[in-house]
Structure formats: C-alpha cells, structure tokens
C-alpha cells in the first residue's frame, strides 16, 4: 500500500460552516478563519441562508499550509457557540 497523502500542501481548501442565524456569529467566524488562515479575498467567502432564515451556510476557501492548520481551525470553529456543523 502506498504512503501517499490525499492532499498536497499548500493547497486551496474549502471549509463549509453551518451556523444558526444569530447576530455577530458570522463576524466571529471571519475572525477565527483569518486568525488561522490569514486574510481572505471577497471571492473566498460565500454565504447562503436557509429557506426559513434560521440557519446559514458560510463557505471559506483558504490556502491550507498543512493538516495541523486545518485541524486547529476546525477545533476552534467547532467550539464556537452557534456552529451546528463543519464540512
């Protein structure tokens, strides 16, 4: 069996965060992502509200340096109140 990794770093890596639609949560997420991945361009962030506006999906396209960076980012996002799921 080969010892190849699934990802070659650095690489563009999408992270989708499902959140409850609450005030200031998106700003908190942006701050966390920037802390781990650096500044993002306007085209690197997209947002889509659920049909009844109760939830929101925010997708970040980051430049991932390594697996540890992704794991640390996921851990901090997961511990943020209002975050429902991270893909």
PDB file of N, CA and C in Angstrom:
ATOM      1  N   UNK A   1       0.844  -1.186   0.000  1.00  0.00           N
ATOM      2  CA  UNK A   1       0.000   0.000   0.000  1.00  0.00           C
ATOM      3  C   UNK A   1       0.885   1.244   0.000  1.00  0.00           C
ATOM      4  N   UNK A   2       0.499   2.241  -0.729  1.00  0.00           N
ATOM      5  CA  UNK A   2       1.256   3.472  -0.872  1.00  0.00           C
ATOM      6  C   UNK A   2       1.064   4.375   0.345  1.00  0.00           C
ATOM      7  N   UNK A   3       2.076   5.195   0.633  1.00  0.00           N
ATOM      8  CA  UNK A   3       2.010   6.128   1.761  1.00  0.00           C
ATOM      9  C   UNK A   3       1.699   7.542   1.268  1.00  0.00           C
ATOM     10  N   UNK A   4       0.923   7.653   0.195  1.00  0.00           N
ATOM     11  CA  UNK A   4       0.575   8.957  -0.353  1.00  0.00           C
ATOM     12  C   UNK A   4      -0.500   9.635   0.481  1.00  0.00           C
ATOM     13  N   UNK A   5      -0.392  10.941   0.574  1.00  0.00           N
ATOM     14  CA  UNK A   5      -1.400  11.744   1.266  1.00  0.00           C
ATOM     15  C   UNK A   5      -2.488  12.129   0.264  1.00  0.00           C
ATOM     16  N   UNK A   6      -3.690  12.368   0.788  1.00  0.00           N
ATOM     17  CA  UNK A   6      -4.791  12.769  -0.086  1.00  0.00           C
ATOM     18  C   UNK A   6      -4.633  14.202  -0.578  1.00  0.00           C
ATOM     19  N   UNK A   7      -4.016  15.045   0.251  1.00  0.00           N
ATOM     20  CA  UNK A   7      -3.829  16.448  -0.118  1.00  0.00           C
ATOM     21  C   UNK A   7      -2.352  16.755  -0.272  1.00  0.00           C
ATOM     22  N   UNK A   8      -2.039  17.609  -1.213  1.00  0.00           N
ATOM     23  CA  UNK A   8      -0.683  18.113  -1.398  1.00  0.00           C
ATOM     24  C   UNK A   8      -0.675  19.550  -0.891  1.00  0.00           C
ATOM     25  N   UNK A   9       0.133  19.845   0.107  1.00  0.00           N
ATOM     26  CA  UNK A   9       0.170  21.190   0.693  1.00  0.00           C
ATOM     27  C   UNK A   9       1.326  21.978   0.106  1.00  0.00           C
ATOM     28  N   UNK A  10       1.134  23.298  -0.014  1.00  0.00           N
ATOM     29  CA  UNK A  10      -0.069  24.076   0.264  1.00  0.00           C
ATOM     30  C   UNK A  10      -1.125  23.833  -0.816  1.00  0.00           C
ATOM     31  N   UNK A  11      -2.397  24.051  -0.438  1.00  0.00           N
ATOM     32  CA  UNK A  11      -3.493  23.871  -1.384  1.00  0.00           C
ATOM     33  C   UNK A  11      -4.686  24.731  -0.991  1.00  0.00           C
ATOM     34  N   UNK A  12      -5.535  24.978  -1.962  1.00  0.00           N
ATOM     35  CA  UNK A  12      -6.796  25.684  -1.689  1.00  0.00           C
ATOM     36  C   UNK A  12      -7.722  24.663  -1.050  1.00  0.00           C
ATOM     37  N   UNK A  13      -8.352  25.032   0.075  1.00  0.00           N
ATOM     38  CA  UNK A  13      -9.143  24.068   0.839  1.00  0.00           C
ATOM     39  C   UNK A  13     -10.463  24.724   1.255  1.00  0.00           C
ATOM     40  N   UNK A  14     -11.602  24.190   0.812  1.00  0.00           N
ATOM     41  CA  UNK A  14     -12.899  24.776   1.189  1.00  0.00           C
ATOM     42  C   UNK A  14     -13.370  24.254   2.550  1.00  0.00           C
ATOM     43  N   UNK A  15     -13.891  25.156   3.351  1.00  0.00           N
ATOM     44  CA  UNK A  15     -14.471  24.799   4.641  1.00  0.00           C
ATOM     45  C   UNK A  15     -15.874  25.389   4.696  1.00  0.00           C
ATOM     46  N   UNK A  16     -16.883  24.523   4.878  1.00  0.00           N
ATOM     47  CA  UNK A  16     -18.264  24.984   4.983  1.00  0.00           C
ATOM     48  C   UNK A  16     -18.689  24.883   6.443  1.00  0.00           C
ATOM     49  N   UNK A  17     -19.218  25.988   6.957  1.00  0.00           N
ATOM     50  CA  UNK A  17     -19.643  26.054   8.350  1.00  0.00           C
ATOM     51  C   UNK A  17     -21.142  26.345   8.380  1.00  0.00           C
ATOM     52  N   UNK A  18     -21.899  25.418   8.954  1.00  0.00           N
ATOM     53  CA  UNK A  18     -23.344  25.618   9.116  1.00  0.00           C
ATOM     54  C   UNK A  18     -23.565  26.242  10.488  1.00  0.00           C
ATOM     55  N   UNK A  19     -24.276  27.385  10.514  1.00  0.00           N
ATOM     56  CA  UNK A  19     -24.479  28.108  11.764  1.00  0.00           C
ATOM     57  C   UNK A  19     -25.942  28.484  11.947  1.00  0.00           C
ATOM     58  N   UNK A  20     -26.298  28.735  13.182  1.00  0.00           N
ATOM     59  CA  UNK A  20     -27.610  29.328  13.475  1.00  0.00           C
ATOM     60  C   UNK A  20     -27.536  30.790  13.064  1.00  0.00           C
ATOM     61  N   UNK A  21     -28.613  31.308  12.515  1.00  0.00           N
ATOM     62  CA  UNK A  21     -28.646  32.693  12.059  1.00  0.00           C
ATOM     63  C   UNK A  21     -28.820  33.613  13.262  1.00  0.00           C
ATOM     64  N   UNK A  22     -27.697  34.009  13.852  1.00  0.00           N
ATOM     65  CA  UNK A  22     -27.715  34.913  15.008  1.00  0.00           C
ATOM     66  C   UNK A  22     -26.799  36.095  14.729  1.00  0.00           C
ATOM     67  N   UNK A  23     -27.062  37.185  15.422  1.00  0.00           N
ATOM     68  CA  UNK A  23     -26.281  38.405  15.241  1.00  0.00           C
ATOM     69  C   UNK A  23     -24.823  38.171  15.625  1.00  0.00           C
ATOM     70  N   UNK A  24     -23.922  38.707  14.840  1.00  0.00           N
ATOM     71  CA  UNK A  24     -22.483  38.724  15.092  1.00  0.00           C
ATOM     72  C   UNK A  24     -21.773  37.381  14.945  1.00  0.00           C
ATOM     73  N   UNK A  25     -22.481  36.286  14.722  1.00  0.00           N
ATOM     74  CA  UNK A  25     -21.806  34.994  14.612  1.00  0.00           C
ATOM     75  C   UNK A  25     -20.915  34.942  13.376  1.00  0.00           C
ATOM     76  N   UNK A  26     -21.377  35.485  12.285  1.00  0.00           N
ATOM     77  CA  UNK A  26     -20.566  35.497  11.057  1.00  0.00           C
ATOM     78  C   UNK A  26     -19.262  36.267  11.299  1.00  0.00           C
ATOM     79  N   UNK A  27     -19.330  37.380  12.006  1.00  0.00           N
ATOM     80  CA  UNK A  27     -18.119  38.146  12.311  1.00  0.00           C
ATOM     81  C   UNK A  27     -17.148  37.321  13.152  1.00  0.00           C
ATOM     82  N   UNK A  28     -17.679  36.564  14.102  1.00  0.00           N
ATOM     83  CA  UNK A  28     -16.832  35.695  14.926  1.00  0.00           C
ATOM     84  C   UNK A  28     -16.129  34.655  14.057  1.00  0.00           C
ATOM     85  N   UNK A  29     -16.888  34.052  13.142  1.00  0.00           N
ATOM     86  CA  UNK A  29     -16.307  33.049  12.251  1.00  0.00           C
ATOM     87  C   UNK A  29     -15.207  33.656  11.391  1.00  0.00           C
ATOM     88  N   UNK A  30     -15.472  34.838  10.822  1.00  0.00           N
ATOM     89  CA  UNK A  30     -14.474  35.503   9.984  1.00  0.00           C
ATOM     90  C   UNK A  30     -13.185  35.732  10.767  1.00  0.00           C
ATOM     91  N   UNK A  31     -13.310  36.168  12.008  1.00  0.00           N
ATOM     92  CA  UNK A  31     -12.147  36.430  12.856  1.00  0.00           C
ATOM     93  C   UNK A  31     -11.347  35.152  13.102  1.00  0.00           C
ATOM     94  N   UNK A  32     -12.046  34.059  13.384  1.00  0.00           N
ATOM     95  CA  UNK A  32     -11.379  32.773  13.619  1.00  0.00           C
ATOM     96  C   UNK A  32     -10.645  32.302  12.369  1.00  0.00           C
ATOM     97  N   UNK A  33     -11.320  32.358  11.226  1.00  0.00           N
ATOM     98  CA  UNK A  33     -10.710  31.887   9.981  1.00  0.00           C
ATOM     99  C   UNK A  33      -9.499  32.740   9.629  1.00  0.00           C
ATOM    100  N   UNK A  34      -9.598  34.041   9.771  1.00  0.00           N
ATOM    101  CA  UNK A  34      -8.472  34.929   9.461  1.00  0.00           C
ATOM    102  C   UNK A  34      -7.299  34.652  10.404  1.00  0.00           C
ATOM    103  N   UNK A  35      -7.588  34.382  11.670  1.00  0.00           N
ATOM    104  CA  UNK A  35      -6.525  34.078  12.627  1.00  0.00           C
ATOM    105  C   UNK A  35      -5.733  32.832  12.188  1.00  0.00           C
ATOM    106  N   UNK A  36      -6.415  31.845  11.647  1.00  0.00           N
ATOM    107  CA  UNK A  36      -5.757  30.591  11.257  1.00  0.00           C
ATOM    108  C   UNK A  36      -5.235  30.587   9.825  1.00  0.00           C
ATOM    109  N   UNK A  37      -5.902  31.316   8.934  1.00  0.00           N
ATOM    110  CA  UNK A  37      -5.571  31.208   7.507  1.00  0.00           C
ATOM    111  C   UNK A  37      -5.095  32.504   6.869  1.00  0.00           C
ATOM    112  N   UNK A  38      -5.121  33.594   7.605  1.00  0.00           N
ATOM    113  CA  UNK A  38      -4.732  34.873   7.021  1.00  0.00           C
ATOM    114  C   UNK A  38      -5.899  35.530   6.303  1.00  0.00           C
ATOM    115  N   UNK A  39      -5.632  36.688   5.753  1.00  0.00           N
ATOM    116  CA  UNK A  39      -6.675  37.459   5.076  1.00  0.00           C
ATOM    117  C   UNK A  39      -7.216  36.707   3.861  1.00  0.00           C
ATOM    118  N   UNK A  40      -8.519  36.849   3.652  1.00  0.00           N
ATOM    119  CA  UNK A  40      -9.185  36.221   2.506  1.00  0.00           C
ATOM    120  C   UNK A  40      -9.754  37.307   1.604  1.00  0.00           C
ATOM    121  N   UNK A  41      -9.806  37.011   0.322  1.00  0.00           N
ATOM    122  CA  UNK A  41     -10.425  37.931  -0.617  1.00  0.00           C
ATOM    123  C   UNK A  41     -11.941  37.782  -0.604  1.00  0.00           C
ATOM    124  N   UNK A  42     -12.630  38.744  -1.169  1.00  0.00           N
ATOM    125  CA  UNK A  42     -14.099  38.710  -1.207  1.00  0.00           C
ATOM    126  C   UNK A  42     -14.611  37.457  -1.908  1.00  0.00           C
ATOM    127  N   UNK A  43     -13.889  36.978  -2.910  1.00  0.00           N
ATOM    128  CA  UNK A  43     -14.301  35.782  -3.642  1.00  0.00           C
ATOM    129  C   UNK A  43     -14.024  34.481  -2.896  1.00  0.00           C
ATOM    130  N   UNK A  44     -13.352  34.575  -1.752  1.00  0.00           N
ATOM    131  CA  UNK A  44     -13.016  33.386  -0.966  1.00  0.00           C
ATOM    132  C   UNK A  44     -14.048  33.068   0.106  1.00  0.00           C
ATOM    133  N   UNK A  45     -15.085  33.890   0.205  1.00  0.00           N
ATOM    134  CA  UNK A  45     -16.128  33.692   1.215  1.00  0.00           C
ATOM    135  C   UNK A  45     -17.484  33.767   0.534  1.00  0.00           C
ATOM    136  N   UNK A  46     -18.322  32.778   0.797  1.00  0.00           N
ATOM    137  CA  UNK A  46     -19.698  32.833   0.293  1.00  0.00           C
ATOM    138  C   UNK A  46     -20.648  32.450   1.421  1.00  0.00           C
ATOM    139  N   UNK A  47     -21.869  32.936   1.322  1.00  0.00           N
ATOM    140  CA  UNK A  47     -22.864  32.722   2.374  1.00  0.00           C
ATOM    141  C   UNK A  47     -24.208  32.415   1.740  1.00  0.00           C
ATOM    142  N   UNK A  48     -24.922  31.479   2.351  1.00  0.00           N
ATOM    143  CA  UNK A  48     -26.263  31.127   1.851  1.00  0.00           C
ATOM    144  C   UNK A  48     -27.168  30.850   3.038  1.00  0.00           C
ATOM    145  N   UNK A  49     -28.284  31.560   3.099  1.00  0.00           N
ATOM    146  CA  UNK A  49     -29.253  31.379   4.181  1.00  0.00           C
ATOM    147  C   UNK A  49     -30.194  30.223   3.862  1.00  0.00           C
ATOM    148  N   UNK A  50     -30.706  29.584   4.911  1.00  0.00           N
ATOM    149  CA  UNK A  50     -31.690  28.521   4.726  1.00  0.00           C
ATOM    150  C   UNK A  50     -33.022  29.132   4.286  1.00  0.00           C
ATOM    151  N   UNK A  51     -33.917  28.285   3.852  1.00  0.00           N
ATOM    152  CA  UNK A  51     -35.202  28.749   3.325  1.00  0.00           C
ATOM    153  C   UNK A  51     -35.967  29.606   4.338  1.00  0.00           C
ATOM    154  N   UNK A  52     -35.950  29.214   5.591  1.00  0.00           N
ATOM    155  CA  UNK A  52     -36.692  29.946   6.621  1.00  0.00           C
ATOM    156  C   UNK A  52     -35.807  30.909   7.412  1.00  0.00           C
ATOM    157  N   UNK A  53     -34.587  31.117   6.925  1.00  0.00           N
ATOM    158  CA  UNK A  53     -33.647  32.067   7.517  1.00  0.00           C
ATOM    159  C   UNK A  53     -33.218  31.714   8.946  1.00  0.00           C
ATOM    160  N   UNK A  54     -33.377  30.455   9.353  1.00  0.00           N
ATOM    161  CA  UNK A  54     -32.966  30.038  10.695  1.00  0.00           C
ATOM    162  C   UNK A  54     -31.495  29.649  10.749  1.00  0.00           C
ATOM    163  N   UNK A  55     -30.947  29.224   9.615  1.00  0.00           N
ATOM    164  CA  UNK A  55     -29.569  28.766   9.532  1.00  0.00           C
ATOM    165  C   UNK A  55     -28.882  29.437   8.364  1.00  0.00           C
ATOM    166  N   UNK A  56     -27.566  29.349   8.378  1.00  0.00           N
ATOM    167  CA  UNK A  56     -26.784  29.937   7.303  1.00  0.00           C
ATOM    168  C   UNK A  56     -25.582  29.029   7.049  1.00  0.00           C
ATOM    169  N   UNK A  57     -25.202  28.871   5.800  1.00  0.00           N
ATOM    170  CA  UNK A  57     -24.003  28.128   5.437  1.00  0.00           C
ATOM    171  C   UNK A  57     -22.974  29.136   4.929  1.00  0.00           C
ATOM    172  N   UNK A  58     -21.817  29.140   5.571  1.00  0.00           N
ATOM    173  CA  UNK A  58     -20.736  30.037   5.173  1.00  0.00           C
ATOM    174  C   UNK A  58     -19.586  29.162   4.677  1.00  0.00           C
ATOM    175  N   UNK A  59     -19.123  29.422   3.460  1.00  0.00           N
ATOM    176  CA  UNK A  59     -18.024  28.660   2.886  1.00  0.00           C
ATOM    177  C   UNK A  59     -16.806  29.563   2.757  1.00  0.00           C
ATOM    178  N   UNK A  60     -15.687  29.076   3.290  1.00  0.00           N
ATOM    179  CA  UNK A  60     -14.407  29.779   3.202  1.00  0.00           C
ATOM    180  C   UNK A  60     -13.480  28.953   2.329  1.00  0.00           C
ATOM    181  N   UNK A  61     -12.783  29.596   1.433  1.00  0.00           N
ATOM    182  CA  UNK A  61     -11.782  28.933   0.604  1.00  0.00           C
ATOM    183  C   UNK A  61     -10.424  29.456   1.066  1.00  0.00           C
ATOM    184  N   UNK A  62      -9.714  28.622   1.831  1.00  0.00           N
ATOM    185  CA  UNK A  62      -8.451  29.057   2.423  1.00  0.00           C
ATOM    186  C   UNK A  62      -7.263  28.457   1.678  1.00  0.00           C
ATOM    187  N   UNK A  63      -6.107  29.009   1.908  1.00  0.00           N
ATOM    188  CA  UNK A  63      -4.847  28.447   1.434  1.00  0.00           C
ATOM    189  C   UNK A  63      -4.279  27.655   2.603  1.00  0.00           C
ATOM    190  N   UNK A  64      -4.468  26.340   2.576  1.00  0.00           N
ATOM    191  CA  UNK A  64      -4.045  25.485   3.683  1.00  0.00           C
ATOM    192  C   UNK A  64      -2.558  25.167   3.575  1.00  0.00           C
ATOM    193  N   UNK A  65      -1.855  25.327   4.706  1.00  0.00           N
ATOM    194  CA  UNK A  65      -0.415  25.047   4.745  1.00  0.00           C
ATOM    195  C   UNK A  65      -0.120  23.592   5.078  1.00  0.00           C
ATOM    196  N   UNK A  66      -0.944  23.018   5.996  1.00  0.00           N
ATOM    197  CA  UNK A  66      -0.722  21.638   6.423  1.00  0.00           C
ATOM    198  C   UNK A  66      -1.948  21.127   7.179  1.00  0.00           C
ATOM    199  N   UNK A  67      -1.927  19.844   7.508  1.00  0.00           N
ATOM    200  CA  UNK A  67      -3.058  19.228   8.209  1.00  0.00           C
ATOM    201  C   UNK A  67      -3.276  19.829   9.591  1.00  0.00           C
ATOM    202  N   UNK A  68      -2.196  20.193  10.276  1.00  0.00           N
ATOM    203  CA  UNK A  68      -2.310  20.769  11.618  1.00  0.00           C
ATOM    204  C   UNK A  68      -3.083  22.085  11.589  1.00  0.00           C
ATOM    205  N   UNK A  69      -2.857  22.892  10.572  1.00  0.00           N
ATOM    206  CA  UNK A  69      -3.575  24.155  10.433  1.00  0.00           C
ATOM    207  C   UNK A  69      -5.074  23.899  10.286  1.00  0.00           C
ATOM    208  N   UNK A  70      -5.433  22.955   9.440  1.00  0.00           N
ATOM    209  CA  UNK A  70      -6.843  22.631   9.214  1.00  0.00           C
ATOM    210  C   UNK A  70      -7.469  22.091  10.500  1.00  0.00           C
ATOM    211  N   UNK A  71      -6.771  21.208  11.194  1.00  0.00           N
ATOM    212  CA  UNK A  71      -7.287  20.623  12.436  1.00  0.00           C
ATOM    213  C   UNK A  71      -7.505  21.692  13.498  1.00  0.00           C
ATOM    214  N   UNK A  72      -6.571  22.625  13.637  1.00  0.00           N
ATOM    215  CA  UNK A  72      -6.710  23.696  14.633  1.00  0.00           C
ATOM    216  C   UNK A  72      -7.882  24.611  14.291  1.00  0.00           C
ATOM    217  N   UNK A  73      -8.042  24.912  13.012  1.00  0.00           N
ATOM    218  CA  UNK A  73      -9.163  25.747  12.571  1.00  0.00           C
ATOM    219  C   UNK A  73     -10.490  25.048  12.848  1.00  0.00           C
ATOM    220  N   UNK A  74     -10.599  23.767  12.487  1.00  0.00           N
ATOM    221  CA  UNK A  74     -11.825  23.013  12.750  1.00  0.00           C
ATOM    222  C   UNK A  74     -12.131  22.968  14.245  1.00  0.00           C
ATOM    223  N   UNK A  75     -11.119  22.767  15.072  1.00  0.00           N
ATOM    224  CA  UNK A  75     -11.329  22.674  16.520  1.00  0.00           C
ATOM    225  C   UNK A  75     -11.889  23.974  17.077  1.00  0.00           C
ATOM    226  N   UNK A  76     -11.328  25.102  16.660  1.00  0.00           N
ATOM    227  CA  UNK A  76     -11.829  26.378  17.181  1.00  0.00           C
ATOM    228  C   UNK A  76     -13.229  26.678  16.660  1.00  0.00           C
ATOM    229  N   UNK A  77     -13.488  26.382  15.401  1.00  0.00           N
ATOM    230  CA  UNK A  77     -14.831  26.596  14.866  1.00  0.00           C
ATOM    231  C   UNK A  77     -15.845  25.711  15.583  1.00  0.00           C
ATOM    232  N   UNK A  78     -15.486  24.455  15.827  1.00  0.00           N
ATOM    233  CA  UNK A  78     -16.388  23.502  16.486  1.00  0.00           C
ATOM    234  C   UNK A  78     -16.771  23.973  17.896  1.00  0.00           C
ATOM    235  N   UNK A  79     -15.839  24.649  18.577  1.00  0.00           N
ATOM    236  CA  UNK A  79     -16.098  25.116  19.940  1.00  0.00           C
ATOM    237  C   UNK A  79     -16.841  26.438  20.003  1.00  0.00           C
ATOM    238  N   UNK A  80     -17.181  27.007  18.864  1.00  0.00           N
ATOM    239  CA  UNK A  80     -17.879  28.295  18.812  1.00  0.00           C
ATOM    240  C   UNK A  80     -19.381  28.083  18.989  1.00  0.00           C
ATOM    241  N   UNK A  81     -19.994  28.706  19.993  1.00  0.00           N
ATOM    242  CA  UNK A  81     -21.450  28.580  20.176  1.00  0.00           C
ATOM    243  C   UNK A  81     -22.192  29.062  18.928  1.00  0.00           C
ATOM    244  N   UNK A  82     -23.185  28.294  18.507  1.00  0.00           N
ATOM    245  CA  UNK A  82     -23.978  28.626  17.323  1.00  0.00           C
ATOM    246  C   UNK A  82     -23.551  27.871  16.088  1.00  0.00           C
ATOM    247  N   UNK A  83     -22.362  27.242  16.120  1.00  0.00           N
ATOM    248  CA  UNK A  83     -21.910  26.435  14.980  1.00  0.00           C
ATOM    249  C   UNK A  83     -22.578  25.063  15.098  1.00  0.00           C
ATOM    250  N   UNK A  84     -23.259  24.664  14.035  1.00  0.00           N
ATOM    251  CA  UNK A  84     -24.004  23.413  14.012  1.00  0.00           C
ATOM    252  C   UNK A  84     -23.176  22.278  13.411  1.00  0.00           C
ATOM    253  N   UNK A  85     -22.453  22.583  12.323  1.00  0.00           N
ATOM    254  CA  UNK A  85     -21.721  21.549  11.608  1.00  0.00           C
ATOM    255  C   UNK A  85     -20.598  22.192  10.798  1.00  0.00           C
ATOM    256  N   UNK A  86     -19.520  21.436  10.614  1.00  0.00           N
ATOM    257  CA  UNK A  86     -18.403  21.888   9.791  1.00  0.00           C
ATOM    258  C   UNK A  86     -18.089  20.789   8.792  1.00  0.00           C
ATOM    259  N   UNK A  87     -17.998  21.159   7.536  1.00  0.00           N
ATOM    260  CA  UNK A  87     -17.671  20.205   6.475  1.00  0.00           C
ATOM    261  C   UNK A  87     -16.388  20.632   5.786  1.00  0.00           C
TER     262      UNK A  87
END
